C-alpha atoms as a PDB file:
ATOM      1  CA  MET A   1     -65.518 -25.747  24.868  1.00  0.00           C
ATOM      2  CA  LEU A   2     -62.023 -27.126  24.526  1.00  0.00           C
ATOM      3  CA  LEU A   3     -59.175 -25.647  26.531  1.00  0.00           C
ATOM      4  CA  THR A   4     -55.616 -26.557  25.702  1.00  0.00           C
ATOM      5  CA  SER A   5     -52.333 -25.851  27.354  1.00  0.00           C
ATOM      6  CA  ILE A   6     -48.938 -25.466  25.784  1.00  0.00           C
ATOM      7  CA  ASP A   7     -46.420 -28.121  26.700  1.00  0.00           C
ATOM      8  CA  PRO A   8     -42.865 -26.910  25.958  1.00  0.00           C
ATOM      9  CA  PHE A   9     -41.559 -30.505  25.990  1.00  0.00           C
ATOM     10  CA  VAL A  10     -43.960 -31.540  23.223  1.00  0.00           C
ATOM     11  CA  GLN A  11     -43.150 -28.413  21.195  1.00  0.00           C
ATOM     12  CA  GLU A  12     -39.408 -29.068  21.473  1.00  0.00           C
ATOM     13  CA  PHE A  13     -39.899 -32.742  20.556  1.00  0.00           C
ATOM     14  CA  ASP A  14     -41.914 -31.735  17.468  1.00  0.00           C
ATOM     15  CA  ARG A  15     -39.269 -29.194  16.473  1.00  0.00           C
ATOM     16  CA  GLN A  16     -36.418 -31.703  16.805  1.00  0.00           C
ATOM     17  CA  PHE A  17     -38.380 -34.426  14.986  1.00  0.00           C
ATOM     18  CA  ASP A  18     -39.063 -31.956  12.164  1.00  0.00           C
ATOM     19  CA  ARG A  19     -35.358 -31.086  11.956  1.00  0.00           C
ATOM     20  CA  ILE A  20     -34.310 -34.752  11.787  1.00  0.00           C
ATOM     21  CA  ALA A  21     -36.963 -35.546   9.165  1.00  0.00           C
ATOM     22  CA  ARG A  22     -35.825 -32.629   7.014  1.00  0.00           C
ATOM     23  CA  GLN A  23     -32.211 -33.792   7.219  1.00  0.00           C
ATOM     24  CA  ALA A  24     -33.151 -37.377   6.376  1.00  0.00           C
ATOM     25  CA  LEU A  25     -35.129 -36.220   3.342  1.00  0.00           C
ATOM     26  CA  GLY A  26     -32.361 -33.892   2.177  1.00  0.00           C
ATOM     27  CA  TRP A  27     -34.381 -30.735   2.760  1.00  0.00           C
ATOM     28  CA  SER A  28     -31.965 -28.960   5.034  1.00  0.00           C
ATOM     29  CA  GLY A  29     -29.156 -26.830   3.745  1.00  0.00           C
ATOM     30  CA  GLU A  30     -27.094 -23.979   5.089  1.00  0.00           C
ATOM     31  CA  ASN A  31     -30.115 -21.711   5.196  1.00  0.00           C
ATOM     32  CA  GLY A  32     -32.339 -24.222   7.004  1.00  0.00           C
ATOM     33  CA  THR A  33     -34.506 -25.369   4.107  1.00  0.00           C
ATOM     34  CA  ARG A  34     -33.713 -26.424   0.586  1.00  0.00           C
ATOM     35  CA  GLY A  35     -36.998 -27.986  -0.390  1.00  0.00           C
ATOM     36  CA  ALA A  36     -38.511 -27.626  -3.820  1.00  0.00           C
ATOM     37  CA  MET A  37     -41.235 -25.266  -2.588  1.00  0.00           C
ATOM     38  CA  PRO A  38     -40.144 -23.185   0.445  1.00  0.00           C
ATOM     39  CA  LEU A  39     -42.986 -21.442   2.247  1.00  0.00           C
ATOM     40  CA  ASP A  40     -43.455 -18.386   4.458  1.00  0.00           C
ATOM     41  CA  GLY A  41     -46.693 -17.908   6.374  1.00  0.00           C
ATOM     42  CA  VAL A  42     -47.893 -14.678   7.967  1.00  0.00           C
ATOM     43  CA  ARG A  43     -50.960 -14.250  10.169  1.00  0.00           C
ATOM     44  CA  ARG A  44     -52.357 -10.773   9.629  1.00  0.00           C
ATOM     45  CA  LYS A  45     -55.387  -9.023  11.119  1.00  0.00           C
ATOM     46  CA  ASP A  46     -57.971 -10.243   8.617  1.00  0.00           C
ATOM     47  CA  ASP A  47     -56.222 -13.077   6.797  1.00  0.00           C
ATOM     48  CA  VAL A  48     -53.348 -15.518   6.509  1.00  0.00           C
ATOM     49  CA  LEU A  49     -50.816 -14.957   3.734  1.00  0.00           C
ATOM     50  CA  LEU A  50     -48.772 -17.889   2.429  1.00  0.00           C
ATOM     51  CA  LYS A  51     -45.888 -17.258   0.025  1.00  0.00           C
ATOM     52  CA  PHE A  52     -44.393 -20.141  -1.940  1.00  0.00           C
ATOM     53  CA  ASP A  53     -41.095 -19.758  -3.818  1.00  0.00           C
ATOM     54  CA  LEU A  54     -41.559 -21.150  -7.323  1.00  0.00           C
ATOM     55  CA  PRO A  55     -38.815 -19.644  -9.490  1.00  0.00           C
ATOM     56  CA  GLY A  56     -38.656 -20.813 -13.070  1.00  0.00           C
ATOM     57  CA  VAL A  57     -42.108 -22.395 -12.941  1.00  0.00           C
ATOM     58  CA  ASP A  58     -44.561 -21.906 -15.791  1.00  0.00           C
ATOM     59  CA  PRO A  59     -47.555 -20.113 -14.202  1.00  0.00           C
ATOM     60  CA  ASP A  60     -49.920 -22.337 -16.221  1.00  0.00           C
ATOM     61  CA  SER A  61     -48.538 -25.413 -14.410  1.00  0.00           C
ATOM     62  CA  ILE A  62     -49.474 -24.083 -10.946  1.00  0.00           C
ATOM     63  CA  GLU A  63     -52.587 -25.530  -9.347  1.00  0.00           C
ATOM     64  CA  VAL A  64     -54.077 -24.453  -6.007  1.00  0.00           C
ATOM     65  CA  THR A  65     -56.883 -26.555  -4.518  1.00  0.00           C
ATOM     66  CA  VAL A  66     -58.718 -26.738  -1.206  1.00  0.00           C
ATOM     67  CA  ASP A  67     -60.307 -30.015  -0.139  1.00  0.00           C
ATOM     68  CA  ARG A  68     -61.634 -30.793   3.355  1.00  0.00           C
ATOM     69  CA  GLY A  69     -59.462 -28.222   5.078  1.00  0.00           C
ATOM     70  CA  VAL A  70     -56.259 -28.995   3.170  1.00  0.00           C
ATOM     71  CA  LEU A  71     -54.738 -26.438   0.816  1.00  0.00           C
ATOM     72  CA  SER A  72     -52.632 -28.109  -1.890  1.00  0.00           C
ATOM     73  CA  VAL A  73     -50.236 -26.296  -4.192  1.00  0.00           C
ATOM     74  CA  SER A  74     -48.771 -28.172  -7.152  1.00  0.00           C
ATOM     75  CA  ALA A  75     -46.357 -26.865  -9.765  1.00  0.00           C
ATOM     76  CA  ARG A  76     -44.118 -28.267 -12.463  1.00  0.00           C
ATOM     77  CA  ARG A  77     -40.619 -27.150 -13.443  1.00  0.00           C
ATOM     78  CA  GLU A  78     -39.009 -28.644 -16.533  1.00  0.00           C
ATOM     79  CA  GLU A  79     -36.040 -27.665 -18.589  1.00  0.00           C
ATOM     80  CA  GLU A  80     -35.195 -29.075 -21.977  1.00  0.00           C
ATOM     81  CA  TYR A  81     -31.686 -29.307 -23.359  1.00  0.00           C
ATOM     82  CA  GLY A  82     -30.472 -29.577 -26.915  1.00  0.00           C
ATOM     83  CA  GLN A  83     -29.242 -32.848 -28.389  1.00  0.00           C
ATOM     84  CA  ASP A  84     -25.603 -31.760 -28.102  1.00  0.00           C
ATOM     85  CA  ASP A  85     -25.978 -30.311 -24.580  1.00  0.00           C
ATOM     86  CA  ARG A  86     -24.315 -32.296 -21.798  1.00  0.00           C
ATOM     87  CA  LEU A  87     -25.577 -31.605 -18.317  1.00  0.00           C
ATOM     88  CA  PHE A  88     -22.665 -31.873 -15.877  1.00  0.00           C
ATOM     89  CA  VAL A  89     -24.274 -30.483 -12.731  1.00  0.00           C
ATOM     90  CA  ARG A  90     -27.896 -30.321 -11.584  1.00  0.00           C
ATOM     91  CA  GLU A  91     -28.742 -28.722  -8.264  1.00  0.00           C
ATOM     92  CA  ARG A  92     -32.093 -27.175  -9.142  1.00  0.00           C
ATOM     93  CA  PRO A  93     -34.932 -29.611  -8.563  1.00  0.00           C
ATOM     94  CA  MET A  94     -37.052 -30.459 -11.602  1.00  0.00           C
ATOM     95  CA  GLY A  95     -40.368 -32.207 -11.949  1.00  0.00           C
ATOM     96  CA  THR A  96     -43.702 -31.835 -10.185  1.00  0.00           C
ATOM     97  CA  PHE A  97     -43.795 -30.455  -6.650  1.00  0.00           C
ATOM     98  CA  THR A  98     -46.691 -30.509  -4.229  1.00  0.00           C
ATOM     99  CA  ARG A  99     -47.032 -28.833  -0.872  1.00  0.00           C
ATOM    100  CA  ARG A 100     -49.988 -29.340   1.487  1.00  0.00           C
ATOM    101  CA  VAL A 101     -51.012 -27.025   4.304  1.00  0.00           C
ATOM    102  CA  TYR A 102     -53.687 -27.938   6.843  1.00  0.00           C
ATOM    103  CA  LEU A 103     -56.065 -25.014   7.325  1.00  0.00           C
ATOM    104  CA  SER A 104     -57.563 -24.062  10.661  1.00  0.00           C
ATOM    105  CA  GLU A 105     -61.346 -24.084  11.000  1.00  0.00           C
ATOM    106  CA  HIS A 106     -61.000 -20.337  11.654  1.00  0.00           C
ATOM    107  CA  LEU A 107     -60.065 -19.719   8.019  1.00  0.00           C
ATOM    108  CA  ASP A 108     -62.586 -19.256   5.207  1.00  0.00           C
ATOM    109  CA  SER A 109     -61.515 -21.896   2.679  1.00  0.00           C
ATOM    110  CA  GLU A 110     -64.307 -20.762   0.323  1.00  0.00           C
ATOM    111  CA  LYS A 111     -62.604 -17.405  -0.319  1.00  0.00           C
ATOM    112  CA  VAL A 112     -58.991 -18.399  -1.024  1.00  0.00           C
ATOM    113  CA  ASP A 113     -57.182 -16.016  -3.376  1.00  0.00           C
ATOM    114  CA  ALA A 114     -53.908 -16.692  -5.260  1.00  0.00           C
ATOM    115  CA  ALA A 115     -51.529 -14.634  -7.421  1.00  0.00           C
ATOM    116  CA  TYR A 116     -48.161 -15.456  -9.034  1.00  0.00           C
ATOM    117  CA  SER A 117     -45.549 -12.760  -9.606  1.00  0.00           C
ATOM    118  CA  ASN A 118     -41.749 -12.769  -9.938  1.00  0.00           C
ATOM    119  CA  GLY A 119     -41.435 -16.445  -9.027  1.00  0.00           C
ATOM    120  CA  VAL A 120     -43.546 -16.176  -5.857  1.00  0.00           C
ATOM    121  CA  LEU A 121     -47.035 -17.606  -5.438  1.00  0.00           C
ATOM    122  CA  ALA A 122     -49.004 -15.638  -2.827  1.00  0.00           C
ATOM    123  CA  VAL A 123     -52.083 -17.339  -1.380  1.00  0.00           C
ATOM    124  CA  ARG A 124     -54.432 -15.302   0.818  1.00  0.00           C
ATOM    125  CA  ILE A 125     -56.939 -17.016   3.101  1.00  0.00           C
ATOM    126  CA  PRO A 126     -59.379 -14.768   5.005  1.00  0.00           C
ATOM    127  CA  VAL A 127     -60.130 -15.321   8.686  1.00  0.00           C
ATOM    128  CA  ILE A 128     -63.824 -15.976   9.319  1.00  0.00           C
ATOM    129  CA  GLU A 129     -65.593 -13.118  11.079  1.00  0.00           C
ATOM    130  CA  LYS A 130     -66.387 -14.975  14.298  1.00  0.00           C
ATOM    131  CA  ALA A 131     -62.716 -15.971  14.730  1.00  0.00           C
ATOM    132  CA  LYS A 132     -61.408 -12.400  14.584  1.00  0.00           C
ATOM    133  CA  PRO A 133     -60.277 -10.847  17.851  1.00  0.00           C
ATOM    134  CA  ARG A 134     -62.943  -8.811  19.577  1.00  0.00           C
ATOM    135  CA  LYS A 135     -63.209  -6.796  22.739  1.00  0.00           C
ATOM    136  CA  VAL A 136     -65.280  -8.322  25.541  1.00  0.00           C
ATOM    137  CA  GLU A 137     -67.445  -5.943  27.506  1.00  0.00           C
ATOM    138  CA  ILE A 138     -66.971  -6.109  31.275  1.00  0.00           C
ATOM    139  CA  HIS A 139     -70.132  -5.599  33.345  1.00  0.00           C
ATOM    140  CA  LYS A 140     -70.090  -3.787  36.653  1.00  0.00           C
ATOM    141  CA  ALA A 141     -70.933  -5.701  39.846  1.00  0.00           C
ATOM    142  CA  ASP A 142     -74.501  -4.351  40.065  1.00  0.00           C
ATOM    143  CA  GLU A 143     -75.179  -5.394  36.405  1.00  0.00           C
ATOM    144  CA  VAL A 144     -74.086  -9.023  36.866  1.00  0.00           C
ATOM    145  CA  LYS A 145     -77.039 -11.371  37.016  1.00  0.00           C
ATOM    146  CA  SER A 146     -76.124 -14.716  35.521  1.00  0.00           C
ATOM    147  CA  ILE A 147     -72.361 -14.876  36.055  1.00  0.00           C
ATOM    148  CA  LYS A 148     -71.441 -16.329  39.437  1.00  0.00           C
ATOM    149  CA  SER A 149     -68.141 -17.595  40.700  1.00  0.00           C
END
């Protein structure tokens, strides 16, 4: 059994390193992130829900794969202009985007579900049964046989 503790110093270091890396890569804007594929993740009772913003992406270009505990989402956004069109500003990222998420061993990577609607890709990953919270029965003192302090 592995027991871990939470070290606030390490967490703060990771958070600051993440912030600096995002700034260096041009991913931070006024709202905190300006990457090509922003992500929200929610842990629910029976699953984890990941939502990726992919506005203007052809649904046929989206690919979701799971390989050795890594969920990869790839999508392509392209826009063609006419011969006489002159692009004078481009702030929307174009091209192929990939985002990787490392999955916990408590998630069932065999049953990943994905749906795309209104520019948002929702990926649902169920929690395996043995990793779900459960209530532990407490035995009374006269019932305890093998547990000793």
